[in-house]
Amino acid sequence: MQYKVEFRPSVLKSMKHLLKRDLVRIKKRINALSGKLPASNMTKMKGENPFHKIRSGDYRIIYEIHDDRLVILVLKIGHRKDVYKNLPARW
């Protein structure tokens, strides 16, 4: 089953500031994610939140899975040193 990928507006804005080589790598990871979801126990973030994460080099992609609508909502993309700062409990 194919999931549709949606982006928060802030993610699209932050992607404009990435280097082209990093952006290409991130887009490949997101496209692979929409085709086949990795095991949820491997990507689920710790704590009482619905977030998942995947690595793309030094960058992390934070997302939520909405199984009822078959949507992957990308919430944040950033460098690993500061992507986890200021994550809310729920978006």
N, C-alpha and C. Protein backbone atom coordinates (compact mmCIF):
# COMPACT_ATOMS: atom_id res chain seq x y z
N MET A 1 0.83 -1.16 0.00
CA MET A 1 0.00 0.00 0.00
C MET A 1 0.89 1.24 0.00
N GLN A 2 0.56 2.18 -0.85
CA GLN A 2 1.36 3.38 -1.07
C GLN A 2 0.87 4.52 -0.16
N TYR A 3 1.77 5.11 0.58
CA TYR A 3 1.45 6.24 1.43
C TYR A 3 1.74 7.53 0.67
N LYS A 4 0.96 8.55 0.92
CA LYS A 4 1.18 9.86 0.34
C LYS A 4 2.01 10.67 1.32
N VAL A 5 2.99 11.41 0.84
CA VAL A 5 3.85 12.21 1.71
C VAL A 5 3.37 13.66 1.65
N GLU A 6 3.17 14.23 2.83
CA GLU A 6 2.81 15.64 2.94
C GLU A 6 3.85 16.33 3.81
N PHE A 7 4.07 17.62 3.55
CA PHE A 7 5.07 18.39 4.27
C PHE A 7 4.40 19.58 4.97
N ARG A 8 4.87 19.87 6.17
CA ARG A 8 4.46 21.11 6.83
C ARG A 8 5.12 22.26 6.06
N PRO A 9 4.51 23.43 6.01
CA PRO A 9 5.11 24.56 5.29
C PRO A 9 6.50 24.93 5.81
N SER A 10 6.73 24.79 7.10
CA SER A 10 8.04 25.12 7.66
C SER A 10 9.13 24.17 7.14
N VAL A 11 8.76 22.93 6.83
CA VAL A 11 9.73 21.97 6.29
C VAL A 11 10.15 22.38 4.89
N LEU A 12 9.18 22.77 4.08
CA LEU A 12 9.50 23.21 2.71
C LEU A 12 10.41 24.43 2.74
N LYS A 13 10.17 25.32 3.69
CA LYS A 13 11.01 26.51 3.82
C LYS A 13 12.43 26.14 4.24
N SER A 14 12.56 25.21 5.18
CA SER A 14 13.89 24.83 5.65
C SER A 14 14.67 24.05 4.59
N MET A 15 13.96 23.35 3.70
CA MET A 15 14.64 22.58 2.66
C MET A 15 15.32 23.49 1.63
N LYS A 16 14.87 24.73 1.51
CA LYS A 16 15.48 25.66 0.57
C LYS A 16 16.90 26.03 0.97
N HIS A 17 17.22 25.87 2.24
CA HIS A 17 18.52 26.28 2.75
C HIS A 17 19.55 25.14 2.78
N LEU A 18 19.16 23.96 2.34
CA LEU A 18 20.07 22.81 2.37
C LEU A 18 20.94 22.78 1.12
N LEU A 19 22.09 22.17 1.25
CA LEU A 19 22.95 21.96 0.09
C LEU A 19 22.29 20.97 -0.86
N LYS A 20 22.58 21.11 -2.14
CA LYS A 20 21.91 20.28 -3.14
C LYS A 20 22.18 18.80 -2.91
N ARG A 21 23.41 18.42 -2.57
CA ARG A 21 23.72 17.01 -2.36
C ARG A 21 22.95 16.43 -1.18
N ASP A 22 22.78 17.23 -0.12
CA ASP A 22 22.00 16.78 1.04
C ASP A 22 20.53 16.69 0.69
N LEU A 23 20.04 17.65 -0.08
CA LEU A 23 18.64 17.67 -0.47
C LEU A 23 18.29 16.46 -1.34
N VAL A 24 19.17 16.09 -2.26
CA VAL A 24 18.94 14.92 -3.11
C VAL A 24 18.87 13.66 -2.26
N ARG A 25 19.76 13.52 -1.30
CA ARG A 25 19.79 12.35 -0.42
C ARG A 25 18.52 12.28 0.44
N ILE A 26 18.08 13.42 0.95
CA ILE A 26 16.88 13.47 1.78
C ILE A 26 15.65 13.11 0.96
N LYS A 27 15.56 13.63 -0.25
CA LYS A 27 14.41 13.31 -1.11
C LYS A 27 14.36 11.83 -1.44
N LYS A 28 15.51 11.20 -1.65
CA LYS A 28 15.53 9.76 -1.91
C LYS A 28 15.01 8.98 -0.71
N ARG A 29 15.40 9.40 0.50
CA ARG A 29 14.94 8.71 1.71
C ARG A 29 13.43 8.86 1.89
N ILE A 30 12.92 10.05 1.59
CA ILE A 30 11.48 10.28 1.73
C ILE A 30 10.70 9.48 0.70
N ASN A 31 11.19 9.43 -0.53
CA ASN A 31 10.52 8.64 -1.56
C ASN A 31 10.53 7.15 -1.21
N ALA A 32 11.63 6.66 -0.68
CA ALA A 32 11.70 5.26 -0.26
C ALA A 32 10.74 5.00 0.90
N LEU A 33 10.59 5.98 1.75
CA LEU A 33 9.70 5.87 2.90
C LEU A 33 8.25 5.73 2.46
N SER A 34 7.87 6.46 1.44
CA SER A 34 6.47 6.40 0.98
C SER A 34 6.14 5.06 0.33
N GLY A 35 7.13 4.42 -0.28
CA GLY A 35 6.90 3.13 -0.91
C GLY A 35 6.77 2.00 0.07
N LYS A 36 7.63 1.99 1.08
CA LYS A 36 7.60 0.91 2.07
C LYS A 36 8.07 1.47 3.40
N LEU A 37 7.17 1.46 4.37
CA LEU A 37 7.50 1.96 5.69
C LEU A 37 8.45 1.00 6.40
N PRO A 38 9.48 1.54 7.07
CA PRO A 38 10.33 0.66 7.89
C PRO A 38 9.56 0.20 9.12
N ALA A 39 10.08 -0.79 9.79
CA ALA A 39 9.42 -1.30 11.00
C ALA A 39 9.27 -0.17 12.01
N SER A 40 8.08 -0.05 12.53
CA SER A 40 7.76 1.06 13.43
C SER A 40 8.59 1.02 14.71
N ASN A 41 8.96 -0.16 15.18
CA ASN A 41 9.77 -0.24 16.40
C ASN A 41 11.20 0.23 16.16
N MET A 42 11.62 0.32 14.91
CA MET A 42 12.97 0.80 14.60
C MET A 42 13.02 2.32 14.48
N THR A 43 11.91 2.95 14.09
CA THR A 43 11.92 4.38 13.81
C THR A 43 11.21 5.21 14.86
N LYS A 44 10.44 4.60 15.74
CA LYS A 44 9.66 5.33 16.73
C LYS A 44 10.58 6.04 17.71
N MET A 45 10.29 7.31 17.97
CA MET A 45 11.08 8.07 18.93
C MET A 45 10.63 7.72 20.34
N LYS A 46 11.53 7.86 21.28
CA LYS A 46 11.23 7.55 22.68
C LYS A 46 10.26 8.57 23.26
N GLY A 47 9.50 8.15 24.24
CA GLY A 47 8.59 9.06 24.93
C GLY A 47 7.16 8.88 24.49
N GLU A 48 6.32 9.70 25.04
CA GLU A 48 4.89 9.65 24.75
C GLU A 48 4.57 10.60 23.60
N ASN A 49 5.03 10.29 22.43
CA ASN A 49 4.75 11.11 21.26
C ASN A 49 4.54 10.20 20.05
N PRO A 50 3.92 10.71 19.01
CA PRO A 50 3.64 9.89 17.83
C PRO A 50 4.72 10.00 16.75
N PHE A 51 5.88 10.54 17.08
CA PHE A 51 6.89 10.84 16.07
C PHE A 51 7.76 9.63 15.73
N HIS A 52 8.21 9.63 14.48
CA HIS A 52 9.17 8.66 13.99
C HIS A 52 10.33 9.44 13.39
N LYS A 53 11.48 8.80 13.23
CA LYS A 53 12.63 9.48 12.64
C LYS A 53 13.39 8.52 11.74
N ILE A 54 14.04 9.08 10.74
CA ILE A 54 14.97 8.32 9.91
C ILE A 54 16.20 9.19 9.67
N ARG A 55 17.31 8.54 9.42
CA ARG A 55 18.58 9.21 9.16
C ARG A 55 18.78 9.41 7.67
N SER A 56 19.42 10.52 7.35
CA SER A 56 19.88 10.76 6.00
C SER A 56 21.20 11.52 6.14
N GLY A 57 22.29 10.78 6.26
CA GLY A 57 23.59 11.41 6.50
C GLY A 57 23.59 12.06 7.88
N ASP A 58 23.95 13.35 7.93
CA ASP A 58 23.94 14.08 9.19
C ASP A 58 22.59 14.71 9.49
N TYR A 59 21.62 14.47 8.64
CA TYR A 59 20.29 15.05 8.81
C TYR A 59 19.30 14.01 9.30
N ARG A 60 18.26 14.49 9.99
CA ARG A 60 17.21 13.63 10.49
C ARG A 60 15.88 14.13 9.94
N ILE A 61 15.00 13.18 9.63
CA ILE A 61 13.67 13.48 9.11
C ILE A 61 12.69 13.01 10.18
N ILE A 62 11.94 13.94 10.76
CA ILE A 62 10.95 13.64 11.79
C ILE A 62 9.58 13.63 11.12
N TYR A 63 8.82 12.56 11.34
CA TYR A 63 7.53 12.45 10.67
C TYR A 63 6.51 11.72 11.54
N GLU A 64 5.24 11.84 11.14
CA GLU A 64 4.13 11.12 11.77
C GLU A 64 3.48 10.25 10.71
N ILE A 65 2.95 9.12 11.14
CA ILE A 65 2.23 8.22 10.23
C ILE A 65 0.75 8.28 10.57
N HIS A 66 -0.06 8.59 9.56
CA HIS A 66 -1.52 8.62 9.72
C HIS A 66 -2.07 7.46 8.91
N ASP A 67 -2.22 6.31 9.56
CA ASP A 67 -2.68 5.10 8.87
C ASP A 67 -4.11 5.21 8.35
N ASP A 68 -4.95 5.96 9.04
CA ASP A 68 -6.34 6.08 8.61
C ASP A 68 -6.48 6.78 7.25
N ARG A 69 -5.55 7.69 6.93
CA ARG A 69 -5.60 8.41 5.65
C ARG A 69 -4.48 7.99 4.70
N LEU A 70 -3.62 7.06 5.12
CA LEU A 70 -2.44 6.63 4.36
C LEU A 70 -1.55 7.82 4.02
N VAL A 71 -1.22 8.60 5.06
CA VAL A 71 -0.40 9.81 4.88
C VAL A 71 0.79 9.76 5.82
N ILE A 72 1.93 10.16 5.29
CA ILE A 72 3.13 10.40 6.10
C ILE A 72 3.31 11.91 6.12
N LEU A 73 3.25 12.50 7.30
CA LEU A 73 3.37 13.94 7.45
C LEU A 73 4.78 14.26 7.96
N VAL A 74 5.58 14.88 7.11
CA VAL A 74 6.95 15.26 7.49
C VAL A 74 6.85 16.55 8.30
N LEU A 75 7.34 16.48 9.55
CA LEU A 75 7.19 17.59 10.48
C LEU A 75 8.42 18.47 10.55
N LYS A 76 9.59 17.86 10.43
CA LYS A 76 10.81 18.62 10.60
C LYS A 76 11.97 17.90 9.93
N ILE A 77 12.84 18.66 9.28
CA ILE A 77 14.08 18.14 8.72
C ILE A 77 15.19 19.06 9.20
N GLY A 78 16.23 18.48 9.76
CA GLY A 78 17.31 19.32 10.24
C GLY A 78 18.56 18.53 10.56
N HIS A 79 19.61 19.26 10.85
CA HIS A 79 20.88 18.64 11.22
C HIS A 79 20.72 17.94 12.55
N ARG A 80 21.42 16.85 12.72
CA ARG A 80 21.24 16.01 13.91
C ARG A 80 21.56 16.72 15.21
N LYS A 81 22.37 17.78 15.17
CA LYS A 81 22.74 18.47 16.41
C LYS A 81 21.61 19.30 16.99
N ASP A 82 20.65 19.73 16.15
CA ASP A 82 19.61 20.59 16.70
C ASP A 82 18.19 20.28 16.22
N VAL A 83 17.99 19.18 15.54
CA VAL A 83 16.65 18.87 15.04
C VAL A 83 15.69 18.49 16.16
N TYR A 84 16.20 17.97 17.26
CA TYR A 84 15.34 17.50 18.34
C TYR A 84 14.96 18.61 19.33
N LYS A 85 15.57 19.78 19.20
CA LYS A 85 15.25 20.88 20.09
C LYS A 85 13.86 21.42 19.77
N ASN A 86 13.12 21.74 20.80
CA ASN A 86 11.81 22.36 20.68
C ASN A 86 10.77 21.50 19.94
N LEU A 87 10.89 20.20 20.04
CA LEU A 87 9.84 19.33 19.48
C LEU A 87 8.67 19.32 20.46
N PRO A 88 7.47 19.64 20.00
CA PRO A 88 6.33 19.60 20.92
C PRO A 88 5.92 18.16 21.21
N ALA A 89 5.08 17.97 22.21
CA ALA A 89 4.60 16.63 22.53
C ALA A 89 3.68 16.13 21.42
N ARG A 90 2.98 17.01 20.79
CA ARG A 90 2.09 16.69 19.67
C ARG A 90 2.06 17.88 18.72
N TRP A 91 2.00 17.61 17.43
CA TRP A 91 1.92 18.69 16.45
C TRP A 91 0.51 18.99 16.14
